[in-house]
Amino acid sequence: QVRLVESGGGLVQPGGSLRLSCAASGSIFGIGTMGWYHQAPGKRRELVASITSDGITNYANSVKGRFTISRDNAKNTVYLQMDSLKPEDTAVYYCYAYIMVASRSGYTDWGQGTQVSVSS
């Protein structure tokens, strides 16, 4: 059984910063792409950023230049550094990871979500 545990959400003023973390634990053969989605009230879940096991990153246009995704493969952990936060970044942030159960098979697992609120 694999668990993804998130931390680092909270309330911050516009222009502030937060750092989210998501650690995978359990019986893990390997981890492929990891990343973050967010979902605001009444809206669909949207990709924020992703990072492959080789460190190739991808960002939503709305966060380019403000957010930085990184990972520590030794710790099975992905991070999201969020700077210059805006009220429209307010959402529940979910991490995900492609969990490999064998060399050529796996599944996508999700964290429980962490609330990020940007307000003055």
PDB file of N, CA and C in Angstrom:
ATOM      1  N   GLN A   1       0.843  -1.190   0.000  1.00  0.00           N
ATOM      2  CA  GLN A   1       0.000   0.000   0.000  1.00  0.00           C
ATOM      3  C   GLN A   1       0.883   1.247   0.000  1.00  0.00           C
ATOM      4  N   VAL A   2       0.621   2.127  -0.930  1.00  0.00           N
ATOM      5  CA  VAL A   2       1.404   3.354  -1.058  1.00  0.00           C
ATOM      6  C   VAL A   2       0.576   4.529  -0.563  1.00  0.00           C
ATOM      7  N   ARG A   3       1.211   5.431   0.133  1.00  0.00           N
ATOM      8  CA  ARG A   3       0.556   6.650   0.591  1.00  0.00           C
ATOM      9  C   ARG A   3       1.317   7.868   0.095  1.00  0.00           C
ATOM     10  N   LEU A   4       0.571   8.894  -0.310  1.00  0.00           N
ATOM     11  CA  LEU A   4       1.144  10.188  -0.636  1.00  0.00           C
ATOM     12  C   LEU A   4       0.659  11.169   0.425  1.00  0.00           C
ATOM     13  N   VAL A   5       1.586  11.751   1.152  1.00  0.00           N
ATOM     14  CA  VAL A   5       1.226  12.663   2.240  1.00  0.00           C
ATOM     15  C   VAL A   5       1.745  14.054   1.914  1.00  0.00           C
ATOM     16  N   GLU A   6       0.813  15.005   1.861  1.00  0.00           N
ATOM     17  CA  GLU A   6       1.134  16.388   1.520  1.00  0.00           C
ATOM     18  C   GLU A   6       1.263  17.245   2.772  1.00  0.00           C
ATOM     19  N   SER A   7       2.016  18.313   2.649  1.00  0.00           N
ATOM     20  CA  SER A   7       2.129  19.290   3.722  1.00  0.00           C
ATOM     21  C   SER A   7       2.521  20.633   3.124  1.00  0.00           C
ATOM     22  N   GLY A   8       2.313  21.695   3.913  1.00  0.00           N
ATOM     23  CA  GLY A   8       2.796  23.008   3.508  1.00  0.00           C
ATOM     24  C   GLY A   8       1.751  24.007   3.077  1.00  0.00           C
ATOM     25  N   GLY A   9       0.499  23.615   3.016  1.00  0.00           N
ATOM     26  CA  GLY A   9      -0.533  24.573   2.637  1.00  0.00           C
ATOM     27  C   GLY A   9      -0.796  25.571   3.749  1.00  0.00           C
ATOM     28  N   GLY A  10      -1.646  26.549   3.455  1.00  0.00           N
ATOM     29  CA  GLY A  10      -2.004  27.530   4.461  1.00  0.00           C
ATOM     30  C   GLY A  10      -2.527  28.808   3.864  1.00  0.00           C
ATOM     31  N   LEU A  11      -2.603  29.829   4.705  1.00  0.00           N
ATOM     32  CA  LEU A  11      -3.088  31.151   4.303  1.00  0.00           C
ATOM     33  C   LEU A  11      -1.899  32.096   4.154  1.00  0.00           C
ATOM     34  N   VAL A  12      -1.868  32.816   3.051  1.00  0.00           N
ATOM     35  CA  VAL A  12      -0.763  33.740   2.801  1.00  0.00           C
ATOM     36  C   VAL A  12      -1.315  34.977   2.099  1.00  0.00           C
ATOM     37  N   GLN A  13      -0.660  36.109   2.298  1.00  0.00           N
ATOM     38  CA  GLN A  13      -1.082  37.346   1.640  1.00  0.00           C
ATOM     39  C   GLN A  13      -0.614  37.361   0.191  1.00  0.00           C
ATOM     40  N   PRO A  14      -1.302  38.115  -0.659  1.00  0.00           N
ATOM     41  CA  PRO A  14      -0.840  38.248  -2.054  1.00  0.00           C
ATOM     42  C   PRO A  14       0.608  38.698  -2.108  1.00  0.00           C
ATOM     43  N   GLY A  15       1.363  38.085  -3.012  1.00  0.00           N
ATOM     44  CA  GLY A  15       2.786  38.365  -3.117  1.00  0.00           C
ATOM     45  C   GLY A  15       3.648  37.477  -2.250  1.00  0.00           C
ATOM     46  N   GLY A  16       3.036  36.717  -1.374  1.00  0.00           N
ATOM     47  CA  GLY A  16       3.770  35.840  -0.482  1.00  0.00           C
ATOM     48  C   GLY A  16       4.171  34.526  -1.122  1.00  0.00           C
ATOM     49  N   SER A  17       4.762  33.658  -0.300  1.00  0.00           N
ATOM     50  CA  SER A  17       5.273  32.374  -0.778  1.00  0.00           C
ATOM     51  C   SER A  17       4.820  31.234   0.126  1.00  0.00           C
ATOM     52  N   LEU A  18       4.713  30.073  -0.468  1.00  0.00           N
ATOM     53  CA  LEU A  18       4.471  28.826   0.249  1.00  0.00           C
ATOM     54  C   LEU A  18       5.260  27.730  -0.443  1.00  0.00           C
ATOM     55  N   ARG A  19       5.609  26.709   0.321  1.00  0.00           N
ATOM     56  CA  ARG A  19       6.270  25.539  -0.253  1.00  0.00           C
ATOM     57  C   ARG A  19       5.492  24.298   0.147  1.00  0.00           C
ATOM     58  N   LEU A  20       5.005  23.587  -0.873  1.00  0.00           N
ATOM     59  CA  LEU A  20       4.291  22.341  -0.648  1.00  0.00           C
ATOM     60  C   LEU A  20       5.249  21.164  -0.792  1.00  0.00           C
ATOM     61  N   SER A  21       4.997  20.139   0.012  1.00  0.00           N
ATOM     62  CA  SER A  21       5.775  18.904  -0.076  1.00  0.00           C
ATOM     63  C   SER A  21       4.816  17.731  -0.183  1.00  0.00           C
ATOM     64  N   CYS A  22       5.258  16.685  -0.845  1.00  0.00           N
ATOM     65  CA  CYS A  22       4.455  15.468  -0.971  1.00  0.00           C
ATOM     66  C   CYS A  22       5.411  14.285  -0.956  1.00  0.00           C
ATOM     67  N   ALA A  23       5.287  13.457   0.072  1.00  0.00           N
ATOM     68  CA  ALA A  23       6.170  12.307   0.225  1.00  0.00           C
ATOM     69  C   ALA A  23       5.406  11.014  -0.001  1.00  0.00           C
ATOM     70  N   ALA A  24       5.982  10.141  -0.796  1.00  0.00           N
ATOM     71  CA  ALA A  24       5.408   8.826  -1.063  1.00  0.00           C
ATOM     72  C   ALA A  24       6.075   7.802  -0.161  1.00  0.00           C
ATOM     73  N   SER A  25       5.257   6.930   0.421  1.00  0.00           N
ATOM     74  CA  SER A  25       5.796   5.880   1.282  1.00  0.00           C
ATOM     75  C   SER A  25       5.053   4.586   1.028  1.00  0.00           C
ATOM     76  N   GLY A  26       5.695   3.482   1.389  1.00  0.00           N
ATOM     77  CA  GLY A  26       5.079   2.186   1.191  1.00  0.00           C
ATOM     78  C   GLY A  26       5.928   1.310   0.295  1.00  0.00           C
ATOM     79  N   SER A  27       5.273   0.307  -0.273  1.00  0.00           N
ATOM     80  CA  SER A  27       5.972  -0.637  -1.128  1.00  0.00           C
ATOM     81  C   SER A  27       6.078  -0.054  -2.540  1.00  0.00           C
ATOM     82  N   ILE A  28       7.243   0.499  -2.850  1.00  0.00           N
ATOM     83  CA  ILE A  28       7.427   1.217  -4.109  1.00  0.00           C
ATOM     84  C   ILE A  28       8.558   0.599  -4.910  1.00  0.00           C
ATOM     85  N   PHE A  29       8.247   0.129  -6.106  1.00  0.00           N
ATOM     86  CA  PHE A  29       9.274  -0.376  -7.011  1.00  0.00           C
ATOM     87  C   PHE A  29      10.022   0.797  -7.638  1.00  0.00           C
ATOM     88  N   GLY A  30       9.272   1.824  -7.958  1.00  0.00           N
ATOM     89  CA  GLY A  30       9.845   3.033  -8.543  1.00  0.00           C
ATOM     90  C   GLY A  30       8.757   4.072  -8.711  1.00  0.00           C
ATOM     91  N   ILE A  31       9.143   5.298  -8.980  1.00  0.00           N
ATOM     92  CA  ILE A  31       8.190   6.391  -9.196  1.00  0.00           C
ATOM     93  C   ILE A  31       8.530   7.101 -10.488  1.00  0.00           C
ATOM     94  N   GLY A  32       7.534   7.253 -11.322  1.00  0.00           N
ATOM     95  CA  GLY A  32       7.724   7.976 -12.564  1.00  0.00           C
ATOM     96  C   GLY A  32       7.438   9.450 -12.362  1.00  0.00           C
ATOM     97  N   THR A  33       6.613   9.998 -13.230  1.00  0.00           N
ATOM     98  CA  THR A  33       6.291  11.413 -13.142  1.00  0.00           C
ATOM     99  C   THR A  33       5.531  11.730 -11.860  1.00  0.00           C
ATOM    100  N   MET A  34       5.888  12.854 -11.238  1.00  0.00           N
ATOM    101  CA  MET A  34       5.185  13.378 -10.079  1.00  0.00           C
ATOM    102  C   MET A  34       4.730  14.787 -10.421  1.00  0.00           C
ATOM    103  N   GLY A  35       3.724  15.253  -9.697  1.00  0.00           N
ATOM    104  CA  GLY A  35       3.275  16.606  -9.994  1.00  0.00           C
ATOM    105  C   GLY A  35       2.175  17.081  -9.079  1.00  0.00           C
ATOM    106  N   TRP A  36       1.624  18.229  -9.462  1.00  0.00           N
ATOM    107  CA  TRP A  36       0.584  18.861  -8.677  1.00  0.00           C
ATOM    108  C   TRP A  36      -0.555  19.331  -9.573  1.00  0.00           C
ATOM    109  N   TYR A  37      -1.766  19.117  -9.093  1.00  0.00           N
ATOM    110  CA  TYR A  37      -2.964  19.703  -9.664  1.00  0.00           C
ATOM    111  C   TYR A  37      -3.559  20.635  -8.619  1.00  0.00           C
ATOM    112  N   HIS A  38      -4.424  21.527  -9.053  1.00  0.00           N
ATOM    113  CA  HIS A  38      -5.223  22.281  -8.098  1.00  0.00           C
ATOM    114  C   HIS A  38      -6.670  22.354  -8.570  1.00  0.00           C
ATOM    115  N   GLN A  39      -7.539  22.554  -7.577  1.00  0.00           N
ATOM    116  CA  GLN A  39      -8.966  22.639  -7.869  1.00  0.00           C
ATOM    117  C   GLN A  39      -9.587  23.727  -7.007  1.00  0.00           C
ATOM    118  N   ALA A  40     -10.087  24.760  -7.673  1.00  0.00           N
ATOM    119  CA  ALA A  40     -10.787  25.834  -6.985  1.00  0.00           C
ATOM    120  C   ALA A  40     -12.268  25.487  -6.890  1.00  0.00           C
ATOM    121  N   PRO A  41     -12.986  26.073  -5.940  1.00  0.00           N
ATOM    122  CA  PRO A  41     -14.415  25.775  -5.786  1.00  0.00           C
ATOM    123  C   PRO A  41     -15.183  26.009  -7.082  1.00  0.00           C
ATOM    124  N   GLY A  42     -15.955  25.021  -7.464  1.00  0.00           N
ATOM    125  CA  GLY A  42     -16.772  25.142  -8.667  1.00  0.00           C
ATOM    126  C   GLY A  42     -16.038  24.966  -9.973  1.00  0.00           C
ATOM    127  N   LYS A  43     -14.745  24.661  -9.893  1.00  0.00           N
ATOM    128  CA  LYS A  43     -13.953  24.501 -11.112  1.00  0.00           C
ATOM    129  C   LYS A  43     -13.392  23.086 -11.187  1.00  0.00           C
ATOM    130  N   ARG A  44     -12.943  22.714 -12.363  1.00  0.00           N
ATOM    131  CA  ARG A  44     -12.371  21.383 -12.527  1.00  0.00           C
ATOM    132  C   ARG A  44     -10.927  21.378 -12.052  1.00  0.00           C
ATOM    133  N   ARG A  45     -10.427  20.180 -11.780  1.00  0.00           N
ATOM    134  CA  ARG A  45      -9.037  20.021 -11.364  1.00  0.00           C
ATOM    135  C   ARG A  45      -8.125  20.293 -12.561  1.00  0.00           C
ATOM    136  N   GLU A  46      -7.093  21.097 -12.338  1.00  0.00           N
ATOM    137  CA  GLU A  46      -6.189  21.488 -13.422  1.00  0.00           C
ATOM    138  C   GLU A  46      -4.737  21.211 -13.051  1.00  0.00           C
ATOM    139  N   LEU A  47      -3.952  20.849 -14.040  1.00  0.00           N
ATOM    140  CA  LEU A  47      -2.535  20.603 -13.812  1.00  0.00           C
ATOM    141  C   LEU A  47      -1.818  21.914 -13.524  1.00  0.00           C
ATOM    142  N   VAL A  48      -1.000  21.902 -12.483  1.00  0.00           N
ATOM    143  CA  VAL A  48      -0.182  23.057 -12.135  1.00  0.00           C
ATOM    144  C   VAL A  48       1.241  22.858 -12.648  1.00  0.00           C
ATOM    145  N   ALA A  49       1.829  21.725 -12.308  1.00  0.00           N
ATOM    146  CA  ALA A  49       3.206  21.441 -12.716  1.00  0.00           C
ATOM    147  C   ALA A  49       3.475  19.954 -12.582  1.00  0.00           C
ATOM    148  N   SER A  50       4.435  19.477 -13.379  1.00  0.00           N
ATOM    149  CA  SER A  50       4.843  18.083 -13.287  1.00  0.00           C
ATOM    150  C   SER A  50       6.350  17.985 -13.494  1.00  0.00           C
ATOM    151  N   ILE A  51       6.911  16.864 -13.048  1.00  0.00           N
ATOM    152  CA  ILE A  51       8.342  16.632 -13.206  1.00  0.00           C
ATOM    153  C   ILE A  51       8.570  15.142 -13.394  1.00  0.00           C
ATOM    154  N   THR A  52       9.343  14.796 -14.418  1.00  0.00           N
ATOM    155  CA  THR A  52       9.640  13.396 -14.670  1.00  0.00           C
ATOM    156  C   THR A  52      10.740  12.906 -13.725  1.00  0.00           C
ATOM    157  N   SER A  53      10.982  11.619 -13.760  1.00  0.00           N
ATOM    158  CA  SER A  53      12.041  11.060 -12.917  1.00  0.00           C
ATOM    159  C   SER A  53      13.413  11.575 -13.334  1.00  0.00           C
ATOM    160  N   ASP A  54      13.521  12.044 -14.581  1.00  0.00           N
ATOM    161  CA  ASP A  54      14.783  12.609 -15.073  1.00  0.00           C
ATOM    162  C   ASP A  54      14.885  14.112 -14.844  1.00  0.00           C
ATOM    163  N   GLY A  55      13.828  14.698 -14.240  1.00  0.00           N
ATOM    164  CA  GLY A  55      13.880  16.113 -13.920  1.00  0.00           C
ATOM    165  C   GLY A  55      13.330  17.058 -14.971  1.00  0.00           C
ATOM    166  N   ILE A  56      12.651  16.532 -15.970  1.00  0.00           N
ATOM    167  CA  ILE A  56      12.043  17.389 -16.982  1.00  0.00           C
ATOM    168  C   ILE A  56      10.741  17.959 -16.418  1.00  0.00           C
ATOM    169  N   THR A  57      10.603  19.263 -16.481  1.00  0.00           N
ATOM    170  CA  THR A  57       9.466  19.930 -15.857  1.00  0.00           C
ATOM    171  C   THR A  57       8.486  20.482 -16.883  1.00  0.00           C
ATOM    172  N   ASN A  58       7.262  20.656 -16.420  1.00  0.00           N
ATOM    173  CA  ASN A  58       6.201  21.231 -17.238  1.00  0.00           C
ATOM    174  C   ASN A  58       5.323  22.068 -16.322  1.00  0.00           C
ATOM    175  N   TYR A  59       4.933  23.260 -16.796  1.00  0.00           N
ATOM    176  CA  TYR A  59       4.142  24.171 -15.966  1.00  0.00           C
ATOM    177  C   TYR A  59       2.920  24.666 -16.713  1.00  0.00           C
ATOM    178  N   ALA A  60       1.862  24.927 -15.971  1.00  0.00           N
ATOM    179  CA  ALA A  60       0.724  25.645 -16.536  1.00  0.00           C
ATOM    180  C   ALA A  60       1.166  27.078 -16.830  1.00  0.00           C
ATOM    181  N   ASN A  61       0.628  27.661 -17.878  1.00  0.00           N
ATOM    182  CA  ASN A  61       1.016  29.028 -18.251  1.00  0.00           C
ATOM    183  C   ASN A  61       0.781  30.013 -17.107  1.00  0.00           C
ATOM    184  N   SER A  62      -0.251  29.770 -16.327  1.00  0.00           N
ATOM    185  CA  SER A  62      -0.615  30.706 -15.270  1.00  0.00           C
ATOM    186  C   SER A  62       0.399  30.774 -14.136  1.00  0.00           C
ATOM    187  N   VAL A  63       1.283  29.781 -14.035  1.00  0.00           N
ATOM    188  CA  VAL A  63       2.238  29.756 -12.920  1.00  0.00           C
ATOM    189  C   VAL A  63       3.685  29.865 -13.384  1.00  0.00           C
ATOM    190  N   LYS A  64       3.922  29.877 -14.678  1.00  0.00           N
ATOM    191  CA  LYS A  64       5.303  29.968 -15.186  1.00  0.00           C
ATOM    192  C   LYS A  64       5.977  31.230 -14.658  1.00  0.00           C
ATOM    193  N   GLY A  65       7.191  31.054 -14.173  1.00  0.00           N
ATOM    194  CA  GLY A  65       7.949  32.170 -13.639  1.00  0.00           C
ATOM    195  C   GLY A  65       7.667  32.462 -12.172  1.00  0.00           C
ATOM    196  N   ARG A  66       6.636  31.832 -11.618  1.00  0.00           N
ATOM    197  CA  ARG A  66       6.279  32.051 -10.204  1.00  0.00           C
ATOM    198  C   ARG A  66       6.439  30.781  -9.367  1.00  0.00           C
ATOM    199  N   PHE A  67       6.129  29.634  -9.955  1.00  0.00           N
ATOM    200  CA  PHE A  67       6.195  28.369  -9.236  1.00  0.00           C
ATOM    201  C   PHE A  67       7.380  27.547  -9.753  1.00  0.00           C
ATOM    202  N   THR A  68       7.972  26.769  -8.847  1.00  0.00           N
ATOM    203  CA  THR A  68       9.057  25.874  -9.216  1.00  0.00           C
ATOM    204  C   THR A  68       8.809  24.503  -8.620  1.00  0.00           C
ATOM    205  N   ILE A  69       8.811  23.493  -9.487  1.00  0.00           N
ATOM    206  CA  ILE A  69       8.637  22.122  -9.026  1.00  0.00           C
ATOM    207  C   ILE A  69      10.001  21.445  -8.987  1.00  0.00           C
ATOM    208  N   SER A  70      10.198  20.611  -7.971  1.00  0.00           N
ATOM    209  CA  SER A  70      11.440  19.857  -7.848  1.00  0.00           C
ATOM    210  C   SER A  70      11.131  18.538  -7.147  1.00  0.00           C
ATOM    211  N   ARG A  71      12.104  17.633  -7.148  1.00  0.00           N
ATOM    212  CA  ARG A  71      11.893  16.349  -6.483  1.00  0.00           C
ATOM    213  C   ARG A  71      13.200  15.840  -5.927  1.00  0.00           C
ATOM    214  N   ASP A  72      13.069  15.018  -4.896  1.00  0.00           N
ATOM    215  CA  ASP A  72      14.208  14.325  -4.308  1.00  0.00           C
ATOM    216  C   ASP A  72      13.915  12.842  -4.450  1.00  0.00           C
ATOM    217  N   ASN A  73      14.536  12.212  -5.418  1.00  0.00           N
ATOM    218  CA  ASN A  73      14.233  10.807  -5.703  1.00  0.00           C
ATOM    219  C   ASN A  73      14.626   9.889  -4.548  1.00  0.00           C
ATOM    220  N   ALA A  74      15.651  10.241  -3.822  1.00  0.00           N
ATOM    221  CA  ALA A  74      16.070   9.418  -2.687  1.00  0.00           C
ATOM    222  C   ALA A  74      15.023   9.410  -1.577  1.00  0.00           C
ATOM    223  N   LYS A  75      14.254  10.496  -1.507  1.00  0.00           N
ATOM    224  CA  LYS A  75      13.217  10.616  -0.465  1.00  0.00           C
ATOM    225  C   LYS A  75      11.815  10.395  -1.019  1.00  0.00           C
ATOM    226  N   ASN A  76      11.713  10.068  -2.307  1.00  0.00           N
ATOM    227  CA  ASN A  76      10.391   9.871  -2.950  1.00  0.00           C
ATOM    228  C   ASN A  76       9.472  11.063  -2.675  1.00  0.00           C
ATOM    229  N   THR A  77      10.014  12.254  -2.800  1.00  0.00           N
ATOM    230  CA  THR A  77       9.300  13.473  -2.435  1.00  0.00           C
ATOM    231  C   THR A  77       9.335  14.476  -3.581  1.00  0.00           C
ATOM    232  N   VAL A  78       8.190  15.133  -3.780  1.00  0.00           N
ATOM    233  CA  VAL A  78       8.091  16.212  -4.758  1.00  0.00           C
ATOM    234  C   VAL A  78       7.724  17.492  -4.011  1.00  0.00           C
ATOM    235  N   TYR A  79       8.269  18.602  -4.496  1.00  0.00           N
ATOM    236  CA  TYR A  79       8.045  19.904  -3.876  1.00  0.00           C
ATOM    237  C   TYR A  79       7.450  20.873  -4.894  1.00  0.00           C
ATOM    238  N   LEU A  80       6.709  21.857  -4.364  1.00  0.00           N
ATOM    239  CA  LEU A  80       6.226  22.938  -5.203  1.00  0.00           C
ATOM    240  C   LEU A  80       6.483  24.243  -4.463  1.00  0.00           C
ATOM    241  N   GLN A  81       7.471  24.996  -4.930  1.00  0.00           N
ATOM    242  CA  GLN A  81       7.752  26.313  -4.375  1.00  0.00           C
ATOM    243  C   GLN A  81       6.884  27.325  -5.097  1.00  0.00           C
ATOM    244  N   MET A  82       6.033  28.008  -4.351  1.00  0.00           N
ATOM    245  CA  MET A  82       5.091  28.953  -4.933  1.00  0.00           C
ATOM    246  C   MET A  82       5.444  30.362  -4.456  1.00  0.00           C
ATOM    247  N   ASP A  83       5.853  31.196  -5.362  1.00  0.00           N
ATOM    248  CA  ASP A  83       6.215  32.581  -5.064  1.00  0.00           C
ATOM    249  C   ASP A  83       5.258  33.536  -5.773  1.00  0.00           C
ATOM    250  N   SER A  84       5.270  34.786  -5.333  1.00  0.00           N
ATOM    251  CA  SER A  84       4.407  35.816  -5.939  1.00  0.00           C
ATOM    252  C   SER A  84       2.966  35.325  -6.054  1.00  0.00           C
ATOM    253  N   LEU A  85       2.470  34.766  -4.983  1.00  0.00           N
ATOM    254  CA  LEU A  85       1.131  34.174  -5.001  1.00  0.00           C
ATOM    255  C   LEU A  85       0.061  35.234  -5.231  1.00  0.00           C
ATOM    256  N   LYS A  86      -0.973  34.814  -5.952  1.00  0.00           N
ATOM    257  CA  LYS A  86      -2.097  35.678  -6.296  1.00  0.00           C
ATOM    258  C   LYS A  86      -3.382  35.087  -5.724  1.00  0.00           C
ATOM    259  N   PRO A  87      -4.400  35.922  -5.508  1.00  0.00           N
ATOM    260  CA  PRO A  87      -5.674  35.377  -5.012  1.00  0.00           C
ATOM    261  C   PRO A  87      -6.229  34.259  -5.895  1.00  0.00           C
ATOM    262  N   GLU A  88      -5.991  34.336  -7.179  1.00  0.00           N
ATOM    263  CA  GLU A  88      -6.510  33.299  -8.077  1.00  0.00           C
ATOM    264  C   GLU A  88      -5.769  31.966  -7.951  1.00  0.00           C
ATOM    265  N   ASP A  89      -4.689  31.926  -7.159  1.00  0.00           N
ATOM    266  CA  ASP A  89      -4.022  30.656  -6.879  1.00  0.00           C
ATOM    267  C   ASP A  89      -4.735  29.886  -5.772  1.00  0.00           C
ATOM    268  N   THR A  90      -5.710  30.513  -5.133  1.00  0.00           N
ATOM    269  CA  THR A  90      -6.452  29.856  -4.063  1.00  0.00           C
ATOM    270  C   THR A  90      -7.146  28.608  -4.578  1.00  0.00           C
ATOM    271  N   ALA A  91      -6.878  27.477  -3.937  1.00  0.00           N
ATOM    272  CA  ALA A  91      -7.423  26.189  -4.375  1.00  0.00           C
ATOM    273  C   ALA A  91      -6.947  25.105  -3.418  1.00  0.00           C
ATOM    274  N   VAL A  92      -7.503  23.927  -3.591  1.00  0.00           N
ATOM    275  CA  VAL A  92      -6.937  22.739  -2.959  1.00  0.00           C
ATOM    276  C   VAL A  92      -5.902  22.168  -3.927  1.00  0.00           C
ATOM    277  N   TYR A  93      -4.724  21.918  -3.410  1.00  0.00           N
ATOM    278  CA  TYR A  93      -3.632  21.400  -4.225  1.00  0.00           C
ATOM    279  C   TYR A  93      -3.448  19.909  -3.934  1.00  0.00           C
ATOM    280  N   TYR A  94      -3.431  19.114  -4.998  1.00  0.00           N
ATOM    281  CA  TYR A  94      -3.290  17.664  -4.898  1.00  0.00           C
ATOM    282  C   TYR A  94      -1.988  17.237  -5.569  1.00  0.00           C
ATOM    283  N   CYS A  95      -1.202  16.462  -4.877  1.00  0.00           N
ATOM    284  CA  CYS A  95      -0.042  15.893  -5.551  1.00  0.00           C
ATOM    285  C   CYS A  95      -0.432  14.542  -6.142  1.00  0.00           C
ATOM    286  N   TYR A  96       0.334  14.137  -7.144  1.00  0.00           N
ATOM    287  CA  TYR A  96       0.131  12.815  -7.731  1.00  0.00           C
ATOM    288  C   TYR A  96       1.485  12.226  -8.076  1.00  0.00           C
ATOM    289  N   ALA A  97       1.490  10.930  -8.211  1.00  0.00           N
ATOM    290  CA  ALA A  97       2.717  10.238  -8.592  1.00  0.00           C
ATOM    291  C   ALA A  97       2.362   8.978  -9.354  1.00  0.00           C
ATOM    292  N   TYR A  98       3.130   8.692 -10.385  1.00  0.00           N
ATOM    293  CA  TYR A  98       2.959   7.425 -11.100  1.00  0.00           C
ATOM    294  C   TYR A  98       3.802   6.400 -10.369  1.00  0.00           C
ATOM    295  N   ILE A  99       3.119   5.467  -9.703  1.00  0.00           N
ATOM    296  CA  ILE A  99       3.789   4.452  -8.890  1.00  0.00           C
ATOM    297  C   ILE A  99       4.020   3.210  -9.737  1.00  0.00           C
ATOM    298  N   MET A 100       5.268   2.865  -9.880  1.00  0.00           N
ATOM    299  CA  MET A 100       5.588   1.675 -10.653  1.00  0.00           C
ATOM    300  C   MET A 100       5.571   0.445  -9.741  1.00  0.00           C
ATOM    301  N   VAL A 101       4.849  -0.583 -10.182  1.00  0.00           N
ATOM    302  CA  VAL A 101       4.777  -1.823  -9.411  1.00  0.00           C
ATOM    303  C   VAL A 101       5.652  -2.907 -10.024  1.00  0.00           C
ATOM    304  N   ALA A 102       6.091  -2.665 -11.224  1.00  0.00           N
ATOM    305  CA  ALA A 102       7.025  -3.553 -11.918  1.00  0.00           C
ATOM    306  C   ALA A 102       7.714  -2.692 -12.972  1.00  0.00           C
ATOM    307  N   SER A 103       8.593  -3.276 -13.730  1.00  0.00           N
ATOM    308  CA  SER A 103       9.382  -2.468 -14.667  1.00  0.00           C
ATOM    309  C   SER A 103       8.536  -1.796 -15.737  1.00  0.00           C
ATOM    310  N   ARG A 104       7.384  -2.381 -16.059  1.00  0.00           N
ATOM    311  CA  ARG A 104       6.569  -1.815 -17.124  1.00  0.00           C
ATOM    312  C   ARG A 104       5.113  -1.630 -16.757  1.00  0.00           C
ATOM    313  N   SER A 105       4.808  -1.577 -15.485  1.00  0.00           N
ATOM    314  CA  SER A 105       3.418  -1.369 -15.086  1.00  0.00           C
ATOM    315  C   SER A 105       3.357  -0.530 -13.827  1.00  0.00           C
ATOM    316  N   GLY A 106       2.243   0.166 -13.682  1.00  0.00           N
ATOM    317  CA  GLY A 106       2.053   1.009 -12.521  1.00  0.00           C
ATOM    318  C   GLY A 106       0.698   1.665 -12.541  1.00  0.00           C
ATOM    319  N   TYR A 107       0.517   2.623 -11.667  1.00  0.00           N
ATOM    320  CA  TYR A 107      -0.755   3.319 -11.571  1.00  0.00           C
ATOM    321  C   TYR A 107      -0.497   4.710 -11.003  1.00  0.00           C
ATOM    322  N   THR A 108      -1.473   5.594 -11.161  1.00  0.00           N
ATOM    323  CA  THR A 108      -1.364   6.943 -10.618  1.00  0.00           C
ATOM    324  C   THR A 108      -2.032   7.005  -9.253  1.00  0.00           C
ATOM    325  N   ASP A 109      -1.318   7.500  -8.286  1.00  0.00           N
ATOM    326  CA  ASP A 109      -1.847   7.665  -6.939  1.00  0.00           C
ATOM    327  C   ASP A 109      -1.928   9.150  -6.606  1.00  0.00           C
ATOM    328  N   TRP A 110      -2.813   9.492  -5.666  1.00  0.00           N
ATOM    329  CA  TRP A 110      -3.078  10.891  -5.340  1.00  0.00           C
ATOM    330  C   TRP A 110      -2.939  11.148  -3.850  1.00  0.00           C
ATOM    331  N   GLY A 111      -2.512  12.359  -3.514  1.00  0.00           N
ATOM    332  CA  GLY A 111      -2.536  12.791  -2.136  1.00  0.00           C
ATOM    333  C   GLY A 111      -3.929  13.231  -1.722  1.00  0.00           C
ATOM    334  N   GLN A 112      -4.068  13.570  -0.451  1.00  0.00           N
ATOM    335  CA  GLN A 112      -5.391  13.903   0.093  1.00  0.00           C
ATOM    336  C   GLN A 112      -5.780  15.348  -0.180  1.00  0.00           C
ATOM    337  N   GLY A 113      -4.830  16.148  -0.595  1.00  0.00           N
ATOM    338  CA  GLY A 113      -5.113  17.554  -0.880  1.00  0.00           C
ATOM    339  C   GLY A 113      -4.735  18.454   0.274  1.00  0.00           C
ATOM    340  N   THR A 114      -4.240  19.630  -0.065  1.00  0.00           N
ATOM    341  CA  THR A 114      -3.911  20.630   0.956  1.00  0.00           C
ATOM    342  C   THR A 114      -4.415  21.990   0.479  1.00  0.00           C
ATOM    343  N   GLN A 115      -5.039  22.722   1.379  1.00  0.00           N
ATOM    344  CA  GLN A 115      -5.647  24.005   1.013  1.00  0.00           C
ATOM    345  C   GLN A 115      -4.601  25.107   0.964  1.00  0.00           C
ATOM    346  N   VAL A 116      -4.617  25.865  -0.114  1.00  0.00           N
ATOM    347  CA  VAL A 116      -3.812  27.073  -0.252  1.00  0.00           C
ATOM    348  C   VAL A 116      -4.771  28.242  -0.434  1.00  0.00           C
ATOM    349  N   SER A 117      -4.673  29.222   0.443  1.00  0.00           N
ATOM    350  CA  SER A 117      -5.551  30.392   0.375  1.00  0.00           C
ATOM    351  C   SER A 117      -4.681  31.639   0.308  1.00  0.00           C
ATOM    352  N   VAL A 118      -4.957  32.488  -0.685  1.00  0.00           N
ATOM    353  CA  VAL A 118      -4.201  33.725  -0.869  1.00  0.00           C
ATOM    354  C   VAL A 118      -5.178  34.885  -0.713  1.00  0.00           C
ATOM    355  N   SER A 119      -5.007  35.622   0.366  1.00  0.00           N
ATOM    356  CA  SER A 119      -5.953  36.693   0.664  1.00  0.00           C
ATOM    357  C   SER A 119      -5.302  37.709   1.591  1.00  0.00           C
ATOM    358  N   SER A 120      -5.714  38.971   1.430  1.00  0.00           N
ATOM    359  CA  SER A 120      -5.228  40.008   2.325  1.00  0.00           C
ATOM    360  C   SER A 120      -6.175  40.195   3.499  1.00  0.00           C
TER     361      SER A 120
END
